[in-house]
C-alpha atoms as a PDB file:
ATOM      1  CA  UNK A   1      -2.621   2.181  34.803  1.00  0.00           C
ATOM      2  CA  UNK A   2      -2.363  -1.618  34.962  1.00  0.00           C
ATOM      3  CA  UNK A   3       1.347  -1.480  35.757  1.00  0.00           C
ATOM      4  CA  UNK A   4       0.634   1.053  38.512  1.00  0.00           C
ATOM      5  CA  UNK A   5      -1.992  -1.284  40.021  1.00  0.00           C
ATOM      6  CA  UNK A   6       0.411  -4.245  39.824  1.00  0.00           C
ATOM      7  CA  UNK A   7       3.182  -2.312  41.603  1.00  0.00           C
ATOM      8  CA  UNK A   8       0.822  -1.301  44.394  1.00  0.00           C
ATOM      9  CA  UNK A   9      -0.524  -4.836  44.813  1.00  0.00           C
ATOM     10  CA  UNK A  10       3.004  -6.221  45.198  1.00  0.00           C
ATOM     11  CA  UNK A  11       3.448  -4.068  48.304  1.00  0.00           C
ATOM     12  CA  UNK A  12       0.283  -5.262  50.058  1.00  0.00           C
ATOM     13  CA  UNK A  13       1.353  -8.722  51.299  1.00  0.00           C
ATOM     14  CA  UNK A  14       4.822  -7.747  52.689  1.00  0.00           C
ATOM     15  CA  UNK A  15       3.305  -4.765  54.481  1.00  0.00           C
ATOM     16  CA  UNK A  16       0.526  -6.869  56.003  1.00  0.00           C
ATOM     17  CA  UNK A  17       2.987  -9.549  57.158  1.00  0.00           C
ATOM     18  CA  UNK A  18       5.246  -6.883  58.689  1.00  0.00           C
ATOM     19  CA  UNK A  19       2.440  -5.277  60.656  1.00  0.00           C
ATOM     20  CA  UNK A  20       1.134  -8.606  61.932  1.00  0.00           C
ATOM     21  CA  UNK A  21       4.633  -9.734  62.903  1.00  0.00           C
ATOM     22  CA  UNK A  22       5.027  -6.621  65.027  1.00  0.00           C
ATOM     23  CA  UNK A  23       1.663  -7.252  66.703  1.00  0.00           C
ATOM     24  CA  UNK A  24       2.576 -10.906  67.326  1.00  0.00           C
ATOM     25  CA  UNK A  25       5.852  -9.943  69.012  1.00  0.00           C
ATOM     26  CA  UNK A  26       4.218  -7.230  71.137  1.00  0.00           C
ATOM     27  CA  UNK A  27       1.491  -9.591  72.371  1.00  0.00           C
ATOM     28  CA  UNK A  28       4.031 -12.357  73.047  1.00  0.00           C
ATOM     29  CA  UNK A  29       6.235  -9.947  75.024  1.00  0.00           C
ATOM     30  CA  UNK A  30       3.377  -8.651  77.194  1.00  0.00           C
ATOM     31  CA  UNK A  31       3.376  -9.927  80.804  1.00  0.00           C
ATOM     32  CA  UNK A  32       0.884 -12.559  81.932  1.00  0.00           C
ATOM     33  CA  UNK A  33      -0.912 -15.280  80.020  1.00  0.00           C
ATOM     34  CA  UNK A  34      -4.487 -16.577  79.678  1.00  0.00           C
ATOM     35  CA  UNK A  35      -3.651 -20.003  81.169  1.00  0.00           C
ATOM     36  CA  UNK A  36      -2.651 -18.885  84.644  1.00  0.00           C
ATOM     37  CA  UNK A  37      -3.822 -21.061  87.550  1.00  0.00           C
ATOM     38  CA  UNK A  38      -6.841 -19.456  89.269  1.00  0.00           C
ATOM     39  CA  UNK A  39      -8.307 -21.597  92.079  1.00  0.00           C
ATOM     40  CA  UNK A  40     -11.161 -19.121  92.601  1.00  0.00           C
ATOM     41  CA  UNK A  41     -12.380 -19.772  89.062  1.00  0.00           C
ATOM     42  CA  UNK A  42     -12.650 -23.505  89.734  1.00  0.00           C
ATOM     43  CA  UNK A  43      -9.857 -24.428  87.317  1.00  0.00           C
ATOM     44  CA  UNK A  44      -7.243 -27.040  88.103  1.00  0.00           C
ATOM     45  CA  UNK A  45      -3.533 -26.774  87.442  1.00  0.00           C
ATOM     46  CA  UNK A  46      -3.761 -29.811  85.179  1.00  0.00           C
ATOM     47  CA  UNK A  47      -6.394 -28.045  83.043  1.00  0.00           C
ATOM     48  CA  UNK A  48      -4.127 -25.034  82.637  1.00  0.00           C
ATOM     49  CA  UNK A  49      -1.226 -27.248  81.572  1.00  0.00           C
ATOM     50  CA  UNK A  50      -3.463 -29.081  79.097  1.00  0.00           C
ATOM     51  CA  UNK A  51      -4.643 -25.807  77.580  1.00  0.00           C
ATOM     52  CA  UNK A  52      -1.049 -24.638  77.207  1.00  0.00           C
ATOM     53  CA  UNK A  53      -0.267 -27.824  75.280  1.00  0.00           C
ATOM     54  CA  UNK A  54      -3.326 -27.525  73.028  1.00  0.00           C
ATOM     55  CA  UNK A  55      -2.651 -23.897  72.106  1.00  0.00           C
ATOM     56  CA  UNK A  56       1.114 -24.279  71.945  1.00  0.00           C
ATOM     57  CA  UNK A  57       1.900 -21.735  74.663  1.00  0.00           C
ATOM     58  CA  UNK A  58       4.882 -23.752  75.844  1.00  0.00           C
ATOM     59  CA  UNK A  59       6.581 -24.032  72.441  1.00  0.00           C
ATOM     60  CA  UNK A  60       9.481 -21.753  71.440  1.00  0.00           C
ATOM     61  CA  UNK A  61       8.523 -18.310  70.177  1.00  0.00           C
ATOM     62  CA  UNK A  62      10.046 -18.828  66.716  1.00  0.00           C
ATOM     63  CA  UNK A  63       8.154 -22.097  66.217  1.00  0.00           C
ATOM     64  CA  UNK A  64       4.891 -20.513  67.311  1.00  0.00           C
ATOM     65  CA  UNK A  65       5.474 -17.550  64.970  1.00  0.00           C
ATOM     66  CA  UNK A  66       6.081 -19.612  61.848  1.00  0.00           C
ATOM     67  CA  UNK A  67       3.160 -21.934  62.609  1.00  0.00           C
ATOM     68  CA  UNK A  68       0.936 -18.896  63.141  1.00  0.00           C
ATOM     69  CA  UNK A  69       2.176 -17.214  59.950  1.00  0.00           C
ATOM     70  CA  UNK A  70       1.551 -20.321  57.838  1.00  0.00           C
ATOM     71  CA  UNK A  71      -1.965 -20.622  59.269  1.00  0.00           C
ATOM     72  CA  UNK A  72      -2.741 -16.969  58.581  1.00  0.00           C
ATOM     73  CA  UNK A  73      -1.530 -17.164  55.008  1.00  0.00           C
ATOM     74  CA  UNK A  74      -4.075 -19.969  54.524  1.00  0.00           C
ATOM     75  CA  UNK A  75      -6.763 -17.828  56.263  1.00  0.00           C
ATOM     76  CA  UNK A  76      -6.906 -20.089  59.311  1.00  0.00           C
ATOM     77  CA  UNK A  77      -7.190 -17.601  62.186  1.00  0.00           C
ATOM     78  CA  UNK A  78      -7.597 -20.228  64.896  1.00  0.00           C
ATOM     79  CA  UNK A  79     -10.149 -20.420  67.721  1.00  0.00           C
ATOM     80  CA  UNK A  80     -10.829 -17.870  70.417  1.00  0.00           C
ATOM     81  CA  UNK A  81      -9.733 -18.906  73.908  1.00  0.00           C
ATOM     82  CA  UNK A  82     -12.585 -16.920  75.455  1.00  0.00           C
ATOM     83  CA  UNK A  83     -15.551 -17.668  73.209  1.00  0.00           C
ATOM     84  CA  UNK A  84     -14.465 -21.172  72.073  1.00  0.00           C
ATOM     85  CA  UNK A  85     -15.463 -20.282  68.513  1.00  0.00           C
ATOM     86  CA  UNK A  86     -13.478 -19.770  65.300  1.00  0.00           C
ATOM     87  CA  UNK A  87     -12.007 -16.269  65.134  1.00  0.00           C
ATOM     88  CA  UNK A  88     -13.335 -15.835  61.587  1.00  0.00           C
ATOM     89  CA  UNK A  89     -16.908 -16.338  62.827  1.00  0.00           C
ATOM     90  CA  UNK A  90     -16.475 -13.738  65.566  1.00  0.00           C
ATOM     91  CA  UNK A  91     -14.828 -11.273  63.196  1.00  0.00           C
ATOM     92  CA  UNK A  92     -17.536 -11.708  60.571  1.00  0.00           C
ATOM     93  CA  UNK A  93     -20.291 -10.695  62.974  1.00  0.00           C
ATOM     94  CA  UNK A  94     -18.363  -7.845  64.600  1.00  0.00           C
ATOM     95  CA  UNK A  95     -17.002  -6.472  61.328  1.00  0.00           C
ATOM     96  CA  UNK A  96     -20.467  -5.921  59.893  1.00  0.00           C
ATOM     97  CA  UNK A  97     -21.522  -3.921  62.965  1.00  0.00           C
ATOM     98  CA  UNK A  98     -18.362  -1.832  62.839  1.00  0.00           C
ATOM     99  CA  UNK A  99     -18.818  -1.115  59.132  1.00  0.00           C
ATOM    100  CA  UNK A 100     -22.336   0.168  59.838  1.00  0.00           C
ATOM    101  CA  UNK A 101     -20.989   2.550  62.472  1.00  0.00           C
ATOM    102  CA  UNK A 102     -17.852   3.567  60.566  1.00  0.00           C
ATOM    103  CA  UNK A 103     -19.699   3.953  57.263  1.00  0.00           C
ATOM    104  CA  UNK A 104     -22.300   6.227  58.869  1.00  0.00           C
ATOM    105  CA  UNK A 105     -19.558   8.266  60.522  1.00  0.00           C
ATOM    106  CA  UNK A 106     -17.786   8.507  57.154  1.00  0.00           C
ATOM    107  CA  UNK A 107     -20.913  10.006  55.566  1.00  0.00           C
ATOM    108  CA  UNK A 108     -21.149  12.548  58.393  1.00  0.00           C
ATOM    109  CA  UNK A 109     -17.446  13.281  58.131  1.00  0.00           C
ATOM    110  CA  UNK A 110     -17.238  14.049  54.426  1.00  0.00           C
ATOM    111  CA  UNK A 111     -20.704  15.353  53.552  1.00  0.00           C
ATOM    112  CA  UNK A 112     -20.993  17.622  56.578  1.00  0.00           C
ATOM    113  CA  UNK A 113     -17.296  18.538  56.575  1.00  0.00           C
ATOM    114  CA  UNK A 114     -17.155  19.354  52.857  1.00  0.00           C
ATOM    115  CA  UNK A 115     -20.400  21.359  52.975  1.00  0.00           C
ATOM    116  CA  UNK A 116     -19.207  23.365  55.984  1.00  0.00           C
ATOM    117  CA  UNK A 117     -15.797  23.988  54.397  1.00  0.00           C
ATOM    118  CA  UNK A 118     -17.311  25.212  51.114  1.00  0.00           C
ATOM    119  CA  UNK A 119     -19.781  27.471  52.940  1.00  0.00           C
ATOM    120  CA  UNK A 120     -17.024  28.977  55.081  1.00  0.00           C
ATOM    121  CA  UNK A 121     -14.776  29.669  52.078  1.00  0.00           C
ATOM    122  CA  UNK A 122     -17.522  31.103  49.864  1.00  0.00           C
ATOM    123  CA  UNK A 123     -19.403  33.173  52.454  1.00  0.00           C
ATOM    124  CA  UNK A 124     -16.778  35.272  54.174  1.00  0.00           C
ATOM    125  CA  UNK A 125     -17.551  37.129  57.384  1.00  0.00           C
ATOM    126  CA  UNK A 126     -19.513  35.875  60.425  1.00  0.00           C
ATOM    127  CA  UNK A 127     -20.376  32.503  58.847  1.00  0.00           C
ATOM    128  CA  UNK A 128     -16.737  31.818  58.018  1.00  0.00           C
ATOM    129  CA  UNK A 129     -15.578  32.740  61.506  1.00  0.00           C
ATOM    130  CA  UNK A 130     -18.331  30.696  63.157  1.00  0.00           C
ATOM    131  CA  UNK A 131     -17.645  27.564  61.114  1.00  0.00           C
ATOM    132  CA  UNK A 132     -13.876  27.907  61.603  1.00  0.00           C
ATOM    133  CA  UNK A 133     -14.277  28.384  65.361  1.00  0.00           C
ATOM    134  CA  UNK A 134     -16.704  25.502  65.870  1.00  0.00           C
ATOM    135  CA  UNK A 135     -14.607  23.223  63.638  1.00  0.00           C
ATOM    136  CA  UNK A 136     -11.425  24.059  65.540  1.00  0.00           C
ATOM    137  CA  UNK A 137     -13.091  23.249  68.863  1.00  0.00           C
ATOM    138  CA  UNK A 138     -14.623  19.983  67.616  1.00  0.00           C
ATOM    139  CA  UNK A 139     -11.359  18.906  65.989  1.00  0.00           C
ATOM    140  CA  UNK A 140      -9.541  19.442  69.299  1.00  0.00           C
ATOM    141  CA  UNK A 141     -12.085  17.542  71.400  1.00  0.00           C
ATOM    142  CA  UNK A 142     -11.359  13.861  72.174  1.00  0.00           C
ATOM    143  CA  UNK A 143     -14.055  11.587  70.783  1.00  0.00           C
ATOM    144  CA  UNK A 144     -14.656   9.916  74.163  1.00  0.00           C
ATOM    145  CA  UNK A 145     -15.306  13.305  75.800  1.00  0.00           C
ATOM    146  CA  UNK A 146     -17.720  14.258  73.043  1.00  0.00           C
ATOM    147  CA  UNK A 147     -19.428  10.876  73.453  1.00  0.00           C
ATOM    148  CA  UNK A 148     -19.920  11.493  77.183  1.00  0.00           C
ATOM    149  CA  UNK A 149     -21.343  14.966  76.506  1.00  0.00           C
ATOM    150  CA  UNK A 150     -23.769  13.578  73.915  1.00  0.00           C
ATOM    151  CA  UNK A 151     -24.920  10.790  76.241  1.00  0.00           C
ATOM    152  CA  UNK A 152     -25.279  13.179  79.173  1.00  0.00           C
ATOM    153  CA  UNK A 153     -27.333  15.623  77.090  1.00  0.00           C
ATOM    154  CA  UNK A 154     -29.508  13.515  74.805  1.00  0.00           C
ATOM    155  CA  UNK A 155     -29.836  10.298  76.837  1.00  0.00           C
ATOM    156  CA  UNK A 156     -29.627  11.233  80.513  1.00  0.00           C
ATOM    157  CA  UNK A 157     -31.088  14.742  80.635  1.00  0.00           C
ATOM    158  CA  UNK A 158     -33.466  14.833  77.676  1.00  0.00           C
ATOM    159  CA  UNK A 159     -34.123  11.098  77.296  1.00  0.00           C
ATOM    160  CA  UNK A 160     -34.446  11.419  73.522  1.00  0.00           C
ATOM    161  CA  UNK A 161     -31.952   8.777  72.388  1.00  0.00           C
ATOM    162  CA  UNK A 162     -30.676   5.445  73.776  1.00  0.00           C
ATOM    163  CA  UNK A 163     -27.091   5.306  74.978  1.00  0.00           C
ATOM    164  CA  UNK A 164     -26.141   1.651  74.476  1.00  0.00           C
ATOM    165  CA  UNK A 165     -26.443  -1.336  72.120  1.00  0.00           C
ATOM    166  CA  UNK A 166     -27.518  -1.466  68.462  1.00  0.00           C
ATOM    167  CA  UNK A 167     -31.214  -2.052  69.050  1.00  0.00           C
ATOM    168  CA  UNK A 168     -33.817  -2.303  71.801  1.00  0.00           C
ATOM    169  CA  UNK A 169     -34.534  -5.591  73.560  1.00  0.00           C
ATOM    170  CA  UNK A 170     -38.020  -5.751  72.053  1.00  0.00           C
ATOM    171  CA  UNK A 171     -36.902  -4.755  68.534  1.00  0.00           C
ATOM    172  CA  UNK A 172     -37.789  -8.208  67.204  1.00  0.00           C
ATOM    173  CA  UNK A 173     -41.464  -7.619  68.022  1.00  0.00           C
ATOM    174  CA  UNK A 174     -41.610  -4.332  66.086  1.00  0.00           C
ATOM    175  CA  UNK A 175     -42.646  -3.812  62.485  1.00  0.00           C
ATOM    176  CA  UNK A 176     -40.102  -3.234  59.733  1.00  0.00           C
ATOM    177  CA  UNK A 177     -40.352   0.554  59.785  1.00  0.00           C
ATOM    178  CA  UNK A 178     -40.266   0.688  63.582  1.00  0.00           C
ATOM    179  CA  UNK A 179     -37.206  -1.594  63.664  1.00  0.00           C
ATOM    180  CA  UNK A 180     -35.405   0.680  61.215  1.00  0.00           C
ATOM    181  CA  UNK A 181     -36.265   3.755  63.265  1.00  0.00           C
ATOM    182  CA  UNK A 182     -35.110   1.996  66.429  1.00  0.00           C
ATOM    183  CA  UNK A 183     -31.784   1.099  64.773  1.00  0.00           C
ATOM    184  CA  UNK A 184     -31.295   4.697  63.596  1.00  0.00           C
ATOM    185  CA  UNK A 185     -31.981   6.036  67.099  1.00  0.00           C
ATOM    186  CA  UNK A 186     -29.335   3.702  68.544  1.00  0.00           C
ATOM    187  CA  UNK A 187     -26.877   4.609  65.765  1.00  0.00           C
ATOM    188  CA  UNK A 188     -27.142   8.393  65.971  1.00  0.00           C
ATOM    189  CA  UNK A 189     -25.109   9.142  69.112  1.00  0.00           C
ATOM    190  CA  UNK A 190     -22.108   6.849  68.422  1.00  0.00           C
ATOM    191  CA  UNK A 191     -22.123   8.001  64.785  1.00  0.00           C
ATOM    192  CA  UNK A 192     -21.939  11.669  65.803  1.00  0.00           C
ATOM    193  CA  UNK A 193     -19.337  11.007  68.485  1.00  0.00           C
ATOM    194  CA  UNK A 194     -17.131   9.237  65.948  1.00  0.00           C
ATOM    195  CA  UNK A 195     -17.801  11.406  62.900  1.00  0.00           C
ATOM    196  CA  UNK A 196     -18.036  14.999  64.153  1.00  0.00           C
ATOM    197  CA  UNK A 197     -14.347  15.488  65.119  1.00  0.00           C
ATOM    198  CA  UNK A 198     -13.266  14.101  61.747  1.00  0.00           C
ATOM    199  CA  UNK A 199     -15.881  16.246  59.957  1.00  0.00           C
ATOM    200  CA  UNK A 200     -14.394  19.288  61.651  1.00  0.00           C
ATOM    201  CA  UNK A 201     -10.955  18.384  60.295  1.00  0.00           C
ATOM    202  CA  UNK A 202     -12.363  17.941  56.773  1.00  0.00           C
ATOM    203  CA  UNK A 203     -14.173  21.284  57.049  1.00  0.00           C
ATOM    204  CA  UNK A 204     -10.954  23.116  57.977  1.00  0.00           C
ATOM    205  CA  UNK A 205      -9.071  21.379  55.174  1.00  0.00           C
ATOM    206  CA  UNK A 206     -11.672  22.076  52.482  1.00  0.00           C
ATOM    207  CA  UNK A 207     -12.069  25.662  53.702  1.00  0.00           C
ATOM    208  CA  UNK A 208      -8.366  26.362  53.293  1.00  0.00           C
ATOM    209  CA  UNK A 209      -8.174  24.626  49.901  1.00  0.00           C
ATOM    210  CA  UNK A 210     -11.237  26.474  48.608  1.00  0.00           C
ATOM    211  CA  UNK A 211      -9.900  29.843  49.710  1.00  0.00           C
ATOM    212  CA  UNK A 212      -6.627  29.241  47.890  1.00  0.00           C
ATOM    213  CA  UNK A 213      -8.420  28.067  44.742  1.00  0.00           C
ATOM    214  CA  UNK A 214     -10.912  30.931  44.722  1.00  0.00           C
ATOM    215  CA  UNK A 215      -8.005  33.374  44.786  1.00  0.00           C
ATOM    216  CA  UNK A 216      -6.333  31.877  41.694  1.00  0.00           C
ATOM    217  CA  UNK A 217      -6.396  33.577  38.281  1.00  0.00           C
ATOM    218  CA  UNK A 218      -8.619  30.989  36.526  1.00  0.00           C
ATOM    219  CA  UNK A 219     -11.435  31.752  38.997  1.00  0.00           C
ATOM    220  CA  UNK A 220     -11.122  35.497  38.408  1.00  0.00           C
ATOM    221  CA  UNK A 221     -11.230  34.841  34.664  1.00  0.00           C
ATOM    222  CA  UNK A 222     -14.413  32.804  35.110  1.00  0.00           C
ATOM    223  CA  UNK A 223     -15.963  35.672  37.084  1.00  0.00           C
ATOM    224  CA  UNK A 224     -14.962  38.156  34.383  1.00  0.00           C
ATOM    225  CA  UNK A 225     -16.657  35.968  31.760  1.00  0.00           C
ATOM    226  CA  UNK A 226     -19.896  36.130  33.719  1.00  0.00           C
ATOM    227  CA  UNK A 227     -19.916  32.701  35.333  1.00  0.00           C
ATOM    228  CA  UNK A 228     -22.510  32.275  38.049  1.00  0.00           C
ATOM    229  CA  UNK A 229     -21.357  31.807  41.688  1.00  0.00           C
ATOM    230  CA  UNK A 230     -22.655  28.239  41.844  1.00  0.00           C
ATOM    231  CA  UNK A 231     -20.868  27.326  38.630  1.00  0.00           C
ATOM    232  CA  UNK A 232     -17.624  28.814  39.917  1.00  0.00           C
ATOM    233  CA  UNK A 233     -17.821  26.805  43.128  1.00  0.00           C
ATOM    234  CA  UNK A 234     -18.932  23.474  41.639  1.00  0.00           C
ATOM    235  CA  UNK A 235     -17.099  23.390  38.302  1.00  0.00           C
ATOM    236  CA  UNK A 236     -13.941  25.346  38.938  1.00  0.00           C
ATOM    237  CA  UNK A 237     -13.038  25.382  42.635  1.00  0.00           C
ATOM    238  CA  UNK A 238     -14.760  22.439  44.313  1.00  0.00           C
ATOM    239  CA  UNK A 239     -13.580  19.828  41.799  1.00  0.00           C
ATOM    240  CA  UNK A 240      -9.937  20.791  42.363  1.00  0.00           C
ATOM    241  CA  UNK A 241     -10.368  21.176  46.129  1.00  0.00           C
ATOM    242  CA  UNK A 242     -11.897  17.726  46.569  1.00  0.00           C
ATOM    243  CA  UNK A 243      -9.207  15.880  44.616  1.00  0.00           C
ATOM    244  CA  UNK A 244      -6.827  15.696  47.619  1.00  0.00           C
ATOM    245  CA  UNK A 245      -9.796  14.663  49.780  1.00  0.00           C
ATOM    246  CA  UNK A 246      -9.938  11.378  47.843  1.00  0.00           C
ATOM    247  CA  UNK A 247      -6.780  10.314  49.666  1.00  0.00           C
ATOM    248  CA  UNK A 248      -8.460  11.112  52.965  1.00  0.00           C
ATOM    249  CA  UNK A 249     -11.509   9.003  52.082  1.00  0.00           C
ATOM    250  CA  UNK A 250      -9.367   5.942  51.413  1.00  0.00           C
ATOM    251  CA  UNK A 251      -7.731   6.016  54.823  1.00  0.00           C
ATOM    252  CA  UNK A 252     -10.661   7.487  56.766  1.00  0.00           C
ATOM    253  CA  UNK A 253     -12.907   4.416  56.760  1.00  0.00           C
ATOM    254  CA  UNK A 254     -10.272   2.011  58.129  1.00  0.00           C
ATOM    255  CA  UNK A 255      -9.140   4.775  60.455  1.00  0.00           C
ATOM    256  CA  UNK A 256     -12.679   5.137  61.760  1.00  0.00           C
ATOM    257  CA  UNK A 257     -13.003   1.368  62.039  1.00  0.00           C
ATOM    258  CA  UNK A 258      -9.804   1.195  64.070  1.00  0.00           C
ATOM    259  CA  UNK A 259     -10.507   4.334  66.070  1.00  0.00           C
ATOM    260  CA  UNK A 260     -13.984   3.200  67.084  1.00  0.00           C
ATOM    261  CA  UNK A 261     -12.674   1.053  69.953  1.00  0.00           C
ATOM    262  CA  UNK A 262     -13.384   3.659  72.638  1.00  0.00           C
ATOM    263  CA  UNK A 263     -16.726   4.624  71.112  1.00  0.00           C
ATOM    264  CA  UNK A 264     -17.850   1.010  70.820  1.00  0.00           C
ATOM    265  CA  UNK A 265     -16.882   0.306  74.432  1.00  0.00           C
ATOM    266  CA  UNK A 266     -18.672   3.444  75.705  1.00  0.00           C
ATOM    267  CA  UNK A 267     -21.851   2.696  73.743  1.00  0.00           C
ATOM    268  CA  UNK A 268     -21.652  -1.111  74.152  1.00  0.00           C
ATOM    269  CA  UNK A 269     -21.666  -1.387  70.351  1.00  0.00           C
ATOM    270  CA  UNK A 270     -20.961  -5.038  69.394  1.00  0.00           C
ATOM    271  CA  UNK A 271     -18.270  -4.318  66.824  1.00  0.00           C
ATOM    272  CA  UNK A 272     -14.586  -4.918  66.161  1.00  0.00           C
ATOM    273  CA  UNK A 273     -13.377  -2.346  68.671  1.00  0.00           C
ATOM    274  CA  UNK A 274     -15.339  -3.827  71.551  1.00  0.00           C
ATOM    275  CA  UNK A 275     -14.323  -7.340  70.536  1.00  0.00           C
ATOM    276  CA  UNK A 276     -10.644  -6.341  70.488  1.00  0.00           C
ATOM    277  CA  UNK A 277     -11.024  -4.675  73.894  1.00  0.00           C
ATOM    278  CA  UNK A 278     -12.520  -7.825  75.416  1.00  0.00           C
ATOM    279  CA  UNK A 279      -9.792  -9.930  73.800  1.00  0.00           C
ATOM    280  CA  UNK A 280      -7.082  -7.704  75.284  1.00  0.00           C
ATOM    281  CA  UNK A 281      -8.591  -7.971  78.764  1.00  0.00           C
ATOM    282  CA  UNK A 282      -8.663 -11.770  78.495  1.00  0.00           C
ATOM    283  CA  UNK A 283      -5.253 -11.995  76.759  1.00  0.00           C
ATOM    284  CA  UNK A 284      -7.014 -14.020  74.078  1.00  0.00           C
ATOM    285  CA  UNK A 285      -4.079 -14.103  71.653  1.00  0.00           C
ATOM    286  CA  UNK A 286      -5.816 -15.745  68.659  1.00  0.00           C
ATOM    287  CA  UNK A 287      -8.611 -13.168  68.851  1.00  0.00           C
ATOM    288  CA  UNK A 288      -6.195 -10.263  69.396  1.00  0.00           C
ATOM    289  CA  UNK A 289      -4.187 -11.274  66.337  1.00  0.00           C
ATOM    290  CA  UNK A 290      -7.385 -11.790  64.334  1.00  0.00           C
ATOM    291  CA  UNK A 291      -8.611  -8.284  65.177  1.00  0.00           C
ATOM    292  CA  UNK A 292      -5.183  -6.872  64.323  1.00  0.00           C
ATOM    293  CA  UNK A 293      -5.217  -8.778  61.024  1.00  0.00           C
ATOM    294  CA  UNK A 294      -8.647  -7.393  60.100  1.00  0.00           C
ATOM    295  CA  UNK A 295      -7.741  -3.823  61.079  1.00  0.00           C
ATOM    296  CA  UNK A 296      -4.389  -3.949  59.269  1.00  0.00           C
ATOM    297  CA  UNK A 297      -5.977  -5.365  56.131  1.00  0.00           C
ATOM    298  CA  UNK A 298      -8.616  -2.617  56.196  1.00  0.00           C
ATOM    299  CA  UNK A 299      -6.010   0.135  56.535  1.00  0.00           C
ATOM    300  CA  UNK A 300      -3.785  -1.275  53.789  1.00  0.00           C
ATOM    301  CA  UNK A 301      -6.680  -1.907  51.388  1.00  0.00           C
ATOM    302  CA  UNK A 302      -8.100   1.539  52.134  1.00  0.00           C
ATOM    303  CA  UNK A 303      -4.772   3.151  51.324  1.00  0.00           C
ATOM    304  CA  UNK A 304      -4.567   1.071  48.140  1.00  0.00           C
ATOM    305  CA  UNK A 305      -8.041   2.196  47.046  1.00  0.00           C
ATOM    306  CA  UNK A 306      -7.092   5.814  47.768  1.00  0.00           C
ATOM    307  CA  UNK A 307      -3.926   5.492  45.645  1.00  0.00           C
ATOM    308  CA  UNK A 308      -5.847   3.936  42.763  1.00  0.00           C
ATOM    309  CA  UNK A 309      -8.567   6.597  42.889  1.00  0.00           C
ATOM    310  CA  UNK A 310      -5.987   9.363  42.943  1.00  0.00           C
ATOM    311  CA  UNK A 311      -4.131   7.823  40.003  1.00  0.00           C
ATOM    312  CA  UNK A 312      -7.386   7.441  38.075  1.00  0.00           C
ATOM    313  CA  UNK A 313      -8.460  11.035  38.686  1.00  0.00           C
ATOM    314  CA  UNK A 314      -5.011  12.579  38.232  1.00  0.00           C
ATOM    315  CA  UNK A 315      -2.600  10.905  35.730  1.00  0.00           C
ATOM    316  CA  UNK A 316       0.315  12.830  37.247  1.00  0.00           C
ATOM    317  CA  UNK A 317       0.100  10.636  40.344  1.00  0.00           C
ATOM    318  CA  UNK A 318       0.806   7.372  38.520  1.00  0.00           C
ATOM    319  CA  UNK A 319       3.474   9.007  36.376  1.00  0.00           C
ATOM    320  CA  UNK A 320       5.326  10.187  39.476  1.00  0.00           C
ATOM    321  CA  UNK A 321       4.977   6.827  41.271  1.00  0.00           C
ATOM    322  CA  UNK A 322       8.111   4.638  41.479  1.00  0.00           C
END
C-alpha cells in the first residue's frame, strides 16, 4: 500500500505544473490586457506604463513564465490587480464559501442519489419507472436552467427562500439559532441547483449496478437461505454496488467546486466560481492563475483520494496499478 501511495504522489506535481502551464499560455494568448489606456476611467497613459513595468507585462513570455512558475512552487501567488490584495487571502475567503456550497451539494448528490437508486432497483414497477424518469430528466437539465426555475418558483412566486448572497443584511443582529436558520435558507436553492442533476446521475448509476448485482447467483443463494430483504440489500448488494461510487466521490467534490461558477454567479454566492468570473472579466491574470491553481489542486487531490480509497477497499486495484 505504501508503494502504491508513493507512486501516486509522484504524479501529482508534474500533473499540476502541466495544467497550470496550459492555463498560463491560454491567458497570455487571449486578446486584450488589464493595463489598457482608458481616459474615461481617469487613468493616465503613464500610470498604465508604470503598472505594466511593476507586473512585468512587457517582459518576454518565457521570462514571465519561469518567474511565475518559481513563485508558485514557493506558494507565492502574487497580488490581485483588481482587489490590490494577495491572491492567497482572496482564495482563502472564497474557498471556504465554495466548500460549504459544494460540500452540501455533495451530500445531496450521494445520499439522495444512492437512496433513490437503491429504491428503484429493489422496488420494481411504478416506483422504478418514476425514479428512472425523473432522474433522466434532471440529469439532462442544465444546472443554470434548474437554478432559474428554482428561483422563479420559490423566491419570486412563493417568496419562501432568498435568491442571493450567503446571509441576510441583518444576520449579525440575529441570535445564533436564527443566524444558522438564515444561512440554511440562503444555502438551500444553490445547493439544490448544484446537487440535484448530479444526484440524478448517481441514482441512475446505482440503480443499474444494483439491478445487475441483485440478479447474480450469490444473491439468489442468500434468498434461498432465508436472508431478509434488508440484509440482502445492505450486506450483499449495496456494499458491492457502492464500491465504484467511491471513485465518483473523489472527483465529485472538486468537480462541484469547479462547476459552481455559473451557480455562484446566478446566486451571487461569494465563492471561488464568482471570484474567477470577476477575475476573467477584469483580465486579472494573477487572480485567474490563482483560481486555476486552486481548482486544479482540488481536482488532482480529489482523484488521488479516490484512488487511495479504492485501493484500500479493493486490493485488486493496487495490484493492477503500474
